[in-house]
């Protein structure tokens, strides 16, 4: 009986130390997406404890995460498929959890420009490009800037880098967005609707134009949208196609009448057939009023828009 009590006492005495040790474990050992380690993990650029991007937050590079590289915190750390990521905020961590593939850097975190030549070169995580829905990071050069060279010739370099990474790691590169952004009415930073909230135009979002906030931004297939509140942002994320402006955000009347791409006044709009249409509005020309007066223009706008899209895809 004495030996049983002694053993029990020893086990109970050890519990506080065991619990303390558990709290001291690195965050990635305590929280993970549960995804098995990827097959090409040995070819990833990882630091101590398999830390990616030198601890920078992968979500921070995107519009919804701030649009600028930000240092992550060990307080907001997560393991995913053998890689550890740190985040600048709980919100960014939750965004990553919802769609890890969207936020992970391309080519295991190696310089994209060097990968096009089949080389694994350390990048500077603050040198980056988000293109085609993917995050690319770059090294810095003494006489040339690899990031600028990538931007100038991405169409040629991207498939080379994809093939090199597949050869090195055995992983297939994810598909980039196929959306042609040349037909979208975008401002600086690929911002749509001059920053107005696309959901706000619909009854569910308030039914009237409202300026969005940069801190509530979302990037969807290369286009950035701002939102007036978190509820509208969540509605958009759940179903982007239901809220994006039609005809690339150009004036619907100009598209219908001549297939022209004309700027808009984001406060001049209609919801027709469940679609958001925006219009040019000048001192002597209110195209929304003309659209309403003439009536039945939506089918013609669709036909002309289809021709514009077809012509765009044929261009070299």
C-alpha atoms as a PDB file:
ATOM      1  CA  UNK A   1       0.000   0.000   0.000  1.00  0.00           C
ATOM      2  CA  UNK A   2       2.875   2.311   0.905  1.00  0.00           C
ATOM      3  CA  UNK A   3       4.556   1.811  -2.491  1.00  0.00           C
ATOM      4  CA  UNK A   4       1.270   2.602  -4.311  1.00  0.00           C
ATOM      5  CA  UNK A   5       0.850   5.846  -2.355  1.00  0.00           C
ATOM      6  CA  UNK A   6       4.459   6.793  -2.994  1.00  0.00           C
ATOM      7  CA  UNK A   7       4.046   6.245  -6.756  1.00  0.00           C
ATOM      8  CA  UNK A   8       0.793   8.230  -6.786  1.00  0.00           C
ATOM      9  CA  UNK A   9       2.440  11.086  -4.898  1.00  0.00           C
ATOM     10  CA  UNK A  10       5.356  11.092  -7.317  1.00  0.00           C
ATOM     11  CA  UNK A  11       3.032  11.248 -10.338  1.00  0.00           C
ATOM     12  CA  UNK A  12       0.983  14.084  -8.849  1.00  0.00           C
ATOM     13  CA  UNK A  13       4.153  15.973  -7.957  1.00  0.00           C
ATOM     14  CA  UNK A  14       5.341  15.676 -11.549  1.00  0.00           C
ATOM     15  CA  UNK A  15       2.126  17.058 -13.062  1.00  0.00           C
ATOM     16  CA  UNK A  16       2.830  20.788 -12.478  1.00  0.00           C
ATOM     17  CA  UNK A  17       6.260  20.422 -14.073  1.00  0.00           C
ATOM     18  CA  UNK A  18       4.759  18.550 -17.045  1.00  0.00           C
ATOM     19  CA  UNK A  19       2.096  21.217 -17.495  1.00  0.00           C
ATOM     20  CA  UNK A  20       4.725  23.953 -17.300  1.00  0.00           C
ATOM     21  CA  UNK A  21       6.818  22.172 -19.934  1.00  0.00           C
ATOM     22  CA  UNK A  22       3.782  21.921 -22.216  1.00  0.00           C
ATOM     23  CA  UNK A  23       3.197  25.665 -22.048  1.00  0.00           C
ATOM     24  CA  UNK A  24       6.843  26.234 -22.974  1.00  0.00           C
ATOM     25  CA  UNK A  25       6.580  24.211 -26.189  1.00  0.00           C
ATOM     26  CA  UNK A  26       6.891  26.240 -29.390  1.00  0.00           C
ATOM     27  CA  UNK A  27       3.506  27.478 -30.643  1.00  0.00           C
ATOM     28  CA  UNK A  28       3.659  25.320 -33.742  1.00  0.00           C
ATOM     29  CA  UNK A  29       3.813  22.203 -31.534  1.00  0.00           C
ATOM     30  CA  UNK A  30       0.639  23.260 -29.782  1.00  0.00           C
ATOM     31  CA  UNK A  31      -1.395  24.485 -32.752  1.00  0.00           C
ATOM     32  CA  UNK A  32      -1.469  23.135 -36.273  1.00  0.00           C
ATOM     33  CA  UNK A  33      -3.841  22.813 -39.186  1.00  0.00           C
ATOM     34  CA  UNK A  34      -3.392  19.062 -38.856  1.00  0.00           C
ATOM     35  CA  UNK A  35      -2.255  18.716 -42.458  1.00  0.00           C
ATOM     36  CA  UNK A  36       0.445  16.087 -42.994  1.00  0.00           C
ATOM     37  CA  UNK A  37       3.930  17.250 -43.967  1.00  0.00           C
ATOM     38  CA  UNK A  38       4.213  17.867 -47.695  1.00  0.00           C
ATOM     39  CA  UNK A  39       6.428  15.599 -49.765  1.00  0.00           C
ATOM     40  CA  UNK A  40       8.779  18.367 -50.910  1.00  0.00           C
ATOM     41  CA  UNK A  41       9.319  19.882 -47.465  1.00  0.00           C
ATOM     42  CA  UNK A  42      13.099  19.279 -47.578  1.00  0.00           C
ATOM     43  CA  UNK A  43      13.343  21.766 -50.448  1.00  0.00           C
ATOM     44  CA  UNK A  44      11.531  24.606 -48.667  1.00  0.00           C
ATOM     45  CA  UNK A  45      13.379  27.643 -47.371  1.00  0.00           C
ATOM     46  CA  UNK A  46      12.793  27.325 -43.642  1.00  0.00           C
ATOM     47  CA  UNK A  47      14.527  28.656 -40.567  1.00  0.00           C
ATOM     48  CA  UNK A  48      14.666  27.369 -37.021  1.00  0.00           C
ATOM     49  CA  UNK A  49      11.542  25.416 -36.033  1.00  0.00           C
ATOM     50  CA  UNK A  50      10.635  25.286 -39.759  1.00  0.00           C
ATOM     51  CA  UNK A  51       9.802  29.012 -39.726  1.00  0.00           C
ATOM     52  CA  UNK A  52       8.879  30.440 -43.153  1.00  0.00           C
ATOM     53  CA  UNK A  53       9.424  33.935 -44.563  1.00  0.00           C
ATOM     54  CA  UNK A  54      11.881  34.755 -41.747  1.00  0.00           C
ATOM     55  CA  UNK A  55       8.848  35.188 -39.514  1.00  0.00           C
ATOM     56  CA  UNK A  56       6.951  37.596 -41.749  1.00  0.00           C
ATOM     57  CA  UNK A  57       3.171  37.242 -41.830  1.00  0.00           C
ATOM     58  CA  UNK A  58       2.119  35.653 -45.172  1.00  0.00           C
ATOM     59  CA  UNK A  59      -1.318  37.273 -45.016  1.00  0.00           C
ATOM     60  CA  UNK A  60       0.118  40.763 -44.507  1.00  0.00           C
ATOM     61  CA  UNK A  61       1.279  40.883 -48.137  1.00  0.00           C
ATOM     62  CA  UNK A  62      -2.340  40.773 -49.339  1.00  0.00           C
ATOM     63  CA  UNK A  63      -4.754  43.677 -49.382  1.00  0.00           C
ATOM     64  CA  UNK A  64      -6.912  42.102 -46.695  1.00  0.00           C
ATOM     65  CA  UNK A  65      -3.869  41.737 -44.449  1.00  0.00           C
ATOM     66  CA  UNK A  66      -2.604  45.285 -44.888  1.00  0.00           C
ATOM     67  CA  UNK A  67      -0.810  45.068 -48.245  1.00  0.00           C
ATOM     68  CA  UNK A  68       2.678  45.436 -46.758  1.00  0.00           C
ATOM     69  CA  UNK A  69       5.027  42.849 -45.226  1.00  0.00           C
ATOM     70  CA  UNK A  70       4.664  42.770 -41.451  1.00  0.00           C
ATOM     71  CA  UNK A  71       6.570  40.813 -38.857  1.00  0.00           C
ATOM     72  CA  UNK A  72       4.557  38.014 -37.333  1.00  0.00           C
ATOM     73  CA  UNK A  73       4.448  37.215 -33.642  1.00  0.00           C
ATOM     74  CA  UNK A  74       5.185  33.944 -31.865  1.00  0.00           C
ATOM     75  CA  UNK A  75       1.928  34.627 -30.016  1.00  0.00           C
ATOM     76  CA  UNK A  76       0.099  34.060 -33.311  1.00  0.00           C
ATOM     77  CA  UNK A  77       1.919  31.051 -34.698  1.00  0.00           C
ATOM     78  CA  UNK A  78       0.651  28.097 -36.663  1.00  0.00           C
ATOM     79  CA  UNK A  79       2.041  24.920 -38.180  1.00  0.00           C
ATOM     80  CA  UNK A  80       0.801  23.871 -41.614  1.00  0.00           C
ATOM     81  CA  UNK A  81       2.019  20.823 -43.572  1.00  0.00           C
ATOM     82  CA  UNK A  82       5.433  20.933 -41.904  1.00  0.00           C
ATOM     83  CA  UNK A  83       5.897  24.705 -42.196  1.00  0.00           C
ATOM     84  CA  UNK A  84       5.564  27.250 -39.387  1.00  0.00           C
ATOM     85  CA  UNK A  85       4.008  30.632 -40.047  1.00  0.00           C
ATOM     86  CA  UNK A  86       3.726  33.637 -37.768  1.00  0.00           C
ATOM     87  CA  UNK A  87       1.015  36.273 -38.017  1.00  0.00           C
ATOM     88  CA  UNK A  88       0.782  39.904 -37.041  1.00  0.00           C
ATOM     89  CA  UNK A  89      -2.754  39.545 -35.703  1.00  0.00           C
ATOM     90  CA  UNK A  90      -5.349  36.900 -34.795  1.00  0.00           C
ATOM     91  CA  UNK A  91      -7.425  38.075 -37.787  1.00  0.00           C
ATOM     92  CA  UNK A  92      -4.600  37.309 -40.224  1.00  0.00           C
ATOM     93  CA  UNK A  93      -4.112  33.924 -38.628  1.00  0.00           C
ATOM     94  CA  UNK A  94      -7.797  33.112 -39.073  1.00  0.00           C
ATOM     95  CA  UNK A  95      -7.645  34.225 -42.711  1.00  0.00           C
ATOM     96  CA  UNK A  96      -4.755  31.817 -43.300  1.00  0.00           C
ATOM     97  CA  UNK A  97      -6.603  28.971 -41.582  1.00  0.00           C
ATOM     98  CA  UNK A  98      -9.536  29.479 -43.955  1.00  0.00           C
ATOM     99  CA  UNK A  99      -7.363  29.120 -47.094  1.00  0.00           C
ATOM    100  CA  UNK A 100      -3.664  28.275 -46.497  1.00  0.00           C
ATOM    101  CA  UNK A 101      -2.863  27.685 -50.177  1.00  0.00           C
ATOM    102  CA  UNK A 102      -3.883  31.242 -51.040  1.00  0.00           C
ATOM    103  CA  UNK A 103      -1.348  32.783 -48.691  1.00  0.00           C
ATOM    104  CA  UNK A 104       1.725  30.552 -48.807  1.00  0.00           C
ATOM    105  CA  UNK A 105       4.691  31.958 -50.783  1.00  0.00           C
ATOM    106  CA  UNK A 106       5.471  30.400 -54.137  1.00  0.00           C
ATOM    107  CA  UNK A 107       8.452  28.078 -54.647  1.00  0.00           C
ATOM    108  CA  UNK A 108       8.823  27.202 -50.984  1.00  0.00           C
ATOM    109  CA  UNK A 109       9.749  30.792 -50.166  1.00  0.00           C
ATOM    110  CA  UNK A 110      12.793  30.992 -52.481  1.00  0.00           C
ATOM    111  CA  UNK A 111      13.440  33.949 -54.816  1.00  0.00           C
ATOM    112  CA  UNK A 112      11.063  33.615 -57.762  1.00  0.00           C
ATOM    113  CA  UNK A 113      13.441  35.242 -60.235  1.00  0.00           C
ATOM    114  CA  UNK A 114      16.256  32.833 -59.370  1.00  0.00           C
ATOM    115  CA  UNK A 115      13.844  29.898 -59.479  1.00  0.00           C
ATOM    116  CA  UNK A 116      13.193  30.702 -63.142  1.00  0.00           C
ATOM    117  CA  UNK A 117      16.866  29.775 -63.669  1.00  0.00           C
ATOM    118  CA  UNK A 118      16.508  26.644 -61.537  1.00  0.00           C
ATOM    119  CA  UNK A 119      18.332  28.138 -58.539  1.00  0.00           C
ATOM    120  CA  UNK A 120      17.387  28.308 -54.865  1.00  0.00           C
ATOM    121  CA  UNK A 121      18.415  31.780 -53.710  1.00  0.00           C
ATOM    122  CA  UNK A 122      17.546  33.421 -50.397  1.00  0.00           C
ATOM    123  CA  UNK A 123      15.080  36.290 -50.807  1.00  0.00           C
ATOM    124  CA  UNK A 124      14.558  39.461 -48.840  1.00  0.00           C
ATOM    125  CA  UNK A 125      10.974  38.970 -47.579  1.00  0.00           C
ATOM    126  CA  UNK A 126      10.169  42.664 -47.939  1.00  0.00           C
ATOM    127  CA  UNK A 127      10.762  42.405 -51.711  1.00  0.00           C
ATOM    128  CA  UNK A 128       7.589  40.886 -53.124  1.00  0.00           C
ATOM    129  CA  UNK A 129       4.927  40.795 -55.805  1.00  0.00           C
ATOM    130  CA  UNK A 130       1.373  39.477 -55.539  1.00  0.00           C
ATOM    131  CA  UNK A 131       0.316  38.442 -59.017  1.00  0.00           C
ATOM    132  CA  UNK A 132      -2.174  35.963 -60.396  1.00  0.00           C
ATOM    133  CA  UNK A 133      -3.322  35.232 -56.857  1.00  0.00           C
ATOM    134  CA  UNK A 134       0.184  34.103 -55.801  1.00  0.00           C
ATOM    135  CA  UNK A 135       2.852  35.580 -53.522  1.00  0.00           C
ATOM    136  CA  UNK A 136       6.387  35.822 -54.953  1.00  0.00           C
ATOM    137  CA  UNK A 137       9.400  36.999 -52.961  1.00  0.00           C
ATOM    138  CA  UNK A 138      12.750  38.169 -54.338  1.00  0.00           C
ATOM    139  CA  UNK A 139      16.385  38.677 -53.542  1.00  0.00           C
ATOM    140  CA  UNK A 140      18.061  42.039 -54.079  1.00  0.00           C
ATOM    141  CA  UNK A 141      20.766  42.648 -56.670  1.00  0.00           C
ATOM    142  CA  UNK A 142      23.782  44.955 -56.796  1.00  0.00           C
ATOM    143  CA  UNK A 143      23.406  46.032 -60.419  1.00  0.00           C
ATOM    144  CA  UNK A 144      19.825  44.987 -61.168  1.00  0.00           C
ATOM    145  CA  UNK A 145      16.609  44.451 -59.269  1.00  0.00           C
ATOM    146  CA  UNK A 146      15.261  40.879 -59.651  1.00  0.00           C
ATOM    147  CA  UNK A 147      11.800  42.043 -58.596  1.00  0.00           C
ATOM    148  CA  UNK A 148      11.685  44.655 -61.357  1.00  0.00           C
ATOM    149  CA  UNK A 149      13.035  42.155 -63.889  1.00  0.00           C
ATOM    150  CA  UNK A 150      10.275  39.724 -62.892  1.00  0.00           C
ATOM    151  CA  UNK A 151       7.585  42.359 -63.300  1.00  0.00           C
ATOM    152  CA  UNK A 152       8.903  43.311 -66.744  1.00  0.00           C
ATOM    153  CA  UNK A 153       8.956  39.734 -68.030  1.00  0.00           C
ATOM    154  CA  UNK A 154       6.618  37.712 -65.805  1.00  0.00           C
ATOM    155  CA  UNK A 155       4.845  36.069 -68.734  1.00  0.00           C
ATOM    156  CA  UNK A 156       8.090  34.367 -69.783  1.00  0.00           C
ATOM    157  CA  UNK A 157       9.652  33.830 -66.342  1.00  0.00           C
ATOM    158  CA  UNK A 158       6.625  32.404 -64.542  1.00  0.00           C
ATOM    159  CA  UNK A 159       6.327  29.111 -66.486  1.00  0.00           C
ATOM    160  CA  UNK A 160      10.098  28.623 -66.214  1.00  0.00           C
ATOM    161  CA  UNK A 161       9.984  29.087 -62.444  1.00  0.00           C
ATOM    162  CA  UNK A 162       6.990  26.758 -62.170  1.00  0.00           C
ATOM    163  CA  UNK A 163       8.789  24.028 -64.106  1.00  0.00           C
ATOM    164  CA  UNK A 164      11.962  24.456 -62.069  1.00  0.00           C
ATOM    165  CA  UNK A 165      10.102  24.185 -58.776  1.00  0.00           C
ATOM    166  CA  UNK A 166       8.274  21.062 -59.900  1.00  0.00           C
ATOM    167  CA  UNK A 167      11.591  19.521 -60.944  1.00  0.00           C
ATOM    168  CA  UNK A 168      13.246  20.424 -57.631  1.00  0.00           C
ATOM    169  CA  UNK A 169      10.434  19.645 -55.193  1.00  0.00           C
ATOM    170  CA  UNK A 170       8.094  17.343 -57.083  1.00  0.00           C
ATOM    171  CA  UNK A 171       5.229  19.752 -56.357  1.00  0.00           C
ATOM    172  CA  UNK A 172       2.994  21.103 -59.081  1.00  0.00           C
ATOM    173  CA  UNK A 173       2.582  24.882 -59.113  1.00  0.00           C
ATOM    174  CA  UNK A 174      -0.941  26.080 -58.306  1.00  0.00           C
ATOM    175  CA  UNK A 175      -2.924  27.609 -61.126  1.00  0.00           C
ATOM    176  CA  UNK A 176      -2.869  31.384 -61.314  1.00  0.00           C
ATOM    177  CA  UNK A 177      -5.987  33.384 -61.928  1.00  0.00           C
ATOM    178  CA  UNK A 178      -7.052  33.368 -65.558  1.00  0.00           C
ATOM    179  CA  UNK A 179      -9.010  36.598 -65.269  1.00  0.00           C
ATOM    180  CA  UNK A 180      -7.949  39.272 -67.755  1.00  0.00           C
ATOM    181  CA  UNK A 181      -7.572  42.416 -65.674  1.00  0.00           C
ATOM    182  CA  UNK A 182      -7.018  44.622 -68.724  1.00  0.00           C
ATOM    183  CA  UNK A 183     -10.798  44.864 -68.994  1.00  0.00           C
ATOM    184  CA  UNK A 184     -11.269  45.945 -65.390  1.00  0.00           C
ATOM    185  CA  UNK A 185     -11.669  49.550 -64.307  1.00  0.00           C
ATOM    186  CA  UNK A 186      -9.015  49.633 -61.593  1.00  0.00           C
ATOM    187  CA  UNK A 187      -7.172  52.364 -59.756  1.00  0.00           C
ATOM    188  CA  UNK A 188      -3.883  52.295 -57.877  1.00  0.00           C
ATOM    189  CA  UNK A 189      -3.247  48.980 -56.189  1.00  0.00           C
ATOM    190  CA  UNK A 190      -5.855  47.282 -58.425  1.00  0.00           C
ATOM    191  CA  UNK A 191      -8.602  49.001 -56.428  1.00  0.00           C
ATOM    192  CA  UNK A 192     -12.119  48.656 -57.870  1.00  0.00           C
ATOM    193  CA  UNK A 193     -15.035  51.105 -57.658  1.00  0.00           C
ATOM    194  CA  UNK A 194     -12.615  53.831 -56.452  1.00  0.00           C
ATOM    195  CA  UNK A 195     -12.846  52.247 -53.022  1.00  0.00           C
ATOM    196  CA  UNK A 196     -16.631  51.991 -52.732  1.00  0.00           C
ATOM    197  CA  UNK A 197     -18.048  48.894 -51.060  1.00  0.00           C
ATOM    198  CA  UNK A 198     -19.589  46.597 -53.741  1.00  0.00           C
ATOM    199  CA  UNK A 199     -21.953  44.941 -51.265  1.00  0.00           C
ATOM    200  CA  UNK A 200     -23.322  48.285 -50.055  1.00  0.00           C
ATOM    201  CA  UNK A 201     -25.174  48.787 -53.353  1.00  0.00           C
ATOM    202  CA  UNK A 202     -27.350  45.730 -52.694  1.00  0.00           C
ATOM    203  CA  UNK A 203     -30.286  45.650 -50.257  1.00  0.00           C
ATOM    204  CA  UNK A 204     -28.419  43.180 -48.040  1.00  0.00           C
ATOM    205  CA  UNK A 205     -25.572  45.683 -47.651  1.00  0.00           C
ATOM    206  CA  UNK A 206     -27.672  48.805 -47.158  1.00  0.00           C
ATOM    207  CA  UNK A 207     -28.870  49.580 -50.691  1.00  0.00           C
ATOM    208  CA  UNK A 208     -26.810  52.729 -51.201  1.00  0.00           C
ATOM    209  CA  UNK A 209     -23.209  53.557 -52.172  1.00  0.00           C
ATOM    210  CA  UNK A 210     -20.807  53.636 -49.239  1.00  0.00           C
ATOM    211  CA  UNK A 211     -17.083  54.260 -49.103  1.00  0.00           C
ATOM    212  CA  UNK A 212     -15.133  51.227 -48.004  1.00  0.00           C
ATOM    213  CA  UNK A 213     -12.242  51.132 -45.564  1.00  0.00           C
ATOM    214  CA  UNK A 214      -8.725  50.059 -46.490  1.00  0.00           C
ATOM    215  CA  UNK A 215      -8.430  48.034 -43.300  1.00  0.00           C
ATOM    216  CA  UNK A 216     -11.372  45.898 -44.498  1.00  0.00           C
ATOM    217  CA  UNK A 217      -9.906  45.205 -47.942  1.00  0.00           C
ATOM    218  CA  UNK A 218     -10.187  41.904 -49.788  1.00  0.00           C
ATOM    219  CA  UNK A 219      -8.301  40.840 -52.890  1.00  0.00           C
ATOM    220  CA  UNK A 220     -10.295  38.607 -55.239  1.00  0.00           C
ATOM    221  CA  UNK A 221      -8.628  37.220 -58.368  1.00  0.00           C
ATOM    222  CA  UNK A 222      -6.302  40.184 -58.618  1.00  0.00           C
ATOM    223  CA  UNK A 223      -8.921  42.872 -57.876  1.00  0.00           C
ATOM    224  CA  UNK A 224      -9.029  44.726 -54.553  1.00  0.00           C
ATOM    225  CA  UNK A 225     -12.270  45.777 -52.906  1.00  0.00           C
ATOM    226  CA  UNK A 226     -12.817  47.895 -49.809  1.00  0.00           C
ATOM    227  CA  UNK A 227     -15.761  47.339 -47.464  1.00  0.00           C
ATOM    228  CA  UNK A 228     -17.691  49.645 -45.169  1.00  0.00           C
ATOM    229  CA  UNK A 229     -18.117  47.046 -42.429  1.00  0.00           C
ATOM    230  CA  UNK A 230     -17.194  43.471 -41.559  1.00  0.00           C
ATOM    231  CA  UNK A 231     -20.653  42.128 -42.366  1.00  0.00           C
ATOM    232  CA  UNK A 232     -20.406  43.305 -45.965  1.00  0.00           C
ATOM    233  CA  UNK A 233     -16.890  41.939 -46.202  1.00  0.00           C
ATOM    234  CA  UNK A 234     -18.076  38.526 -45.025  1.00  0.00           C
ATOM    235  CA  UNK A 235     -20.946  38.530 -47.530  1.00  0.00           C
ATOM    236  CA  UNK A 236     -18.533  39.234 -50.360  1.00  0.00           C
ATOM    237  CA  UNK A 237     -16.017  36.588 -49.320  1.00  0.00           C
ATOM    238  CA  UNK A 238     -18.822  34.012 -49.209  1.00  0.00           C
ATOM    239  CA  UNK A 239     -19.945  34.792 -52.794  1.00  0.00           C
ATOM    240  CA  UNK A 240     -17.775  37.326 -54.696  1.00  0.00           C
ATOM    241  CA  UNK A 241     -19.533  36.793 -58.015  1.00  0.00           C
ATOM    242  CA  UNK A 242     -22.824  37.990 -56.577  1.00  0.00           C
ATOM    243  CA  UNK A 243     -21.426  41.436 -55.736  1.00  0.00           C
ATOM    244  CA  UNK A 244     -18.710  42.350 -58.220  1.00  0.00           C
ATOM    245  CA  UNK A 245     -19.677  45.119 -60.667  1.00  0.00           C
ATOM    246  CA  UNK A 246     -20.474  43.932 -64.158  1.00  0.00           C
ATOM    247  CA  UNK A 247     -18.675  45.028 -67.300  1.00  0.00           C
ATOM    248  CA  UNK A 248     -15.428  45.329 -65.370  1.00  0.00           C
ATOM    249  CA  UNK A 249     -16.760  48.273 -63.408  1.00  0.00           C
ATOM    250  CA  UNK A 250     -17.039  50.448 -66.510  1.00  0.00           C
ATOM    251  CA  UNK A 251     -20.107  52.443 -67.513  1.00  0.00           C
ATOM    252  CA  UNK A 252     -22.820  49.960 -68.502  1.00  0.00           C
ATOM    253  CA  UNK A 253     -24.490  52.439 -70.859  1.00  0.00           C
ATOM    254  CA  UNK A 254     -21.276  53.087 -72.815  1.00  0.00           C
ATOM    255  CA  UNK A 255     -20.683  49.362 -73.161  1.00  0.00           C
ATOM    256  CA  UNK A 256     -24.231  48.800 -74.427  1.00  0.00           C
ATOM    257  CA  UNK A 257     -24.262  51.646 -76.942  1.00  0.00           C
ATOM    258  CA  UNK A 258     -20.770  51.415 -78.428  1.00  0.00           C
ATOM    259  CA  UNK A 259     -18.681  48.832 -76.622  1.00  0.00           C
ATOM    260  CA  UNK A 260     -16.683  51.687 -75.076  1.00  0.00           C
ATOM    261  CA  UNK A 261     -14.876  51.551 -71.749  1.00  0.00           C
ATOM    262  CA  UNK A 262     -15.866  54.740 -69.961  1.00  0.00           C
ATOM    263  CA  UNK A 263     -15.120  55.867 -66.419  1.00  0.00           C
ATOM    264  CA  UNK A 264     -17.904  55.994 -63.855  1.00  0.00           C
ATOM    265  CA  UNK A 265     -19.330  57.940 -60.979  1.00  0.00           C
ATOM    266  CA  UNK A 266     -19.493  55.223 -58.278  1.00  0.00           C
ATOM    267  CA  UNK A 267     -22.587  56.857 -56.767  1.00  0.00           C
ATOM    268  CA  UNK A 268     -24.534  56.343 -60.012  1.00  0.00           C
ATOM    269  CA  UNK A 269     -25.752  52.752 -60.124  1.00  0.00           C
ATOM    270  CA  UNK A 270     -28.562  50.282 -60.680  1.00  0.00           C
ATOM    271  CA  UNK A 271     -29.204  46.732 -59.555  1.00  0.00           C
ATOM    272  CA  UNK A 272     -30.733  45.016 -62.577  1.00  0.00           C
ATOM    273  CA  UNK A 273     -31.344  41.304 -62.901  1.00  0.00           C
ATOM    274  CA  UNK A 274     -29.437  40.886 -59.638  1.00  0.00           C
ATOM    275  CA  UNK A 275     -26.344  42.536 -61.124  1.00  0.00           C
ATOM    276  CA  UNK A 276     -24.501  45.692 -60.101  1.00  0.00           C
ATOM    277  CA  UNK A 277     -24.284  48.210 -62.945  1.00  0.00           C
ATOM    278  CA  UNK A 278     -22.431  51.500 -62.593  1.00  0.00           C
ATOM    279  CA  UNK A 279     -22.619  54.583 -64.820  1.00  0.00           C
ATOM    280  CA  UNK A 280     -20.868  57.712 -65.999  1.00  0.00           C
ATOM    281  CA  UNK A 281     -22.452  60.888 -64.706  1.00  0.00           C
ATOM    282  CA  UNK A 282     -21.418  64.304 -65.967  1.00  0.00           C
ATOM    283  CA  UNK A 283     -22.880  67.781 -65.691  1.00  0.00           C
ATOM    284  CA  UNK A 284     -24.766  67.421 -68.998  1.00  0.00           C
ATOM    285  CA  UNK A 285     -24.875  63.655 -69.319  1.00  0.00           C
ATOM    286  CA  UNK A 286     -26.480  61.234 -66.882  1.00  0.00           C
ATOM    287  CA  UNK A 287     -26.072  57.819 -68.507  1.00  0.00           C
ATOM    288  CA  UNK A 288     -28.022  56.078 -65.754  1.00  0.00           C
ATOM    289  CA  UNK A 289     -31.067  58.159 -66.688  1.00  0.00           C
ATOM    290  CA  UNK A 290     -30.496  57.345 -70.379  1.00  0.00           C
ATOM    291  CA  UNK A 291     -30.250  53.634 -69.549  1.00  0.00           C
ATOM    292  CA  UNK A 292     -33.552  53.762 -67.691  1.00  0.00           C
ATOM    293  CA  UNK A 293     -35.340  55.835 -70.328  1.00  0.00           C
ATOM    294  CA  UNK A 294     -34.281  53.665 -73.262  1.00  0.00           C
ATOM    295  CA  UNK A 295     -34.793  50.385 -71.422  1.00  0.00           C
ATOM    296  CA  UNK A 296     -33.864  46.866 -72.486  1.00  0.00           C
ATOM    297  CA  UNK A 297     -30.154  47.634 -72.935  1.00  0.00           C
ATOM    298  CA  UNK A 298     -28.742  44.845 -70.783  1.00  0.00           C
ATOM    299  CA  UNK A 299     -28.756  42.141 -73.509  1.00  0.00           C
ATOM    300  CA  UNK A 300     -26.914  44.444 -75.906  1.00  0.00           C
ATOM    301  CA  UNK A 301     -24.391  45.332 -73.189  1.00  0.00           C
ATOM    302  CA  UNK A 302     -23.807  41.624 -72.615  1.00  0.00           C
ATOM    303  CA  UNK A 303     -23.254  41.023 -76.339  1.00  0.00           C
ATOM    304  CA  UNK A 304     -20.818  43.894 -76.733  1.00  0.00           C
ATOM    305  CA  UNK A 305     -18.976  42.929 -73.547  1.00  0.00           C
ATOM    306  CA  UNK A 306     -18.625  39.393 -74.858  1.00  0.00           C
ATOM    307  CA  UNK A 307     -16.980  40.742 -78.014  1.00  0.00           C
ATOM    308  CA  UNK A 308     -14.563  42.820 -75.935  1.00  0.00           C
ATOM    309  CA  UNK A 309     -13.584  39.787 -73.885  1.00  0.00           C
ATOM    310  CA  UNK A 310     -13.141  37.666 -77.011  1.00  0.00           C
ATOM    311  CA  UNK A 311     -10.974  40.322 -78.677  1.00  0.00           C
ATOM    312  CA  UNK A 312      -8.875  40.600 -75.547  1.00  0.00           C
ATOM    313  CA  UNK A 313      -8.143  36.892 -75.448  1.00  0.00           C
ATOM    314  CA  UNK A 314      -7.000  36.953 -79.102  1.00  0.00           C
ATOM    315  CA  UNK A 315      -4.455  39.704 -78.539  1.00  0.00           C
ATOM    316  CA  UNK A 316      -0.814  38.544 -78.218  1.00  0.00           C
END
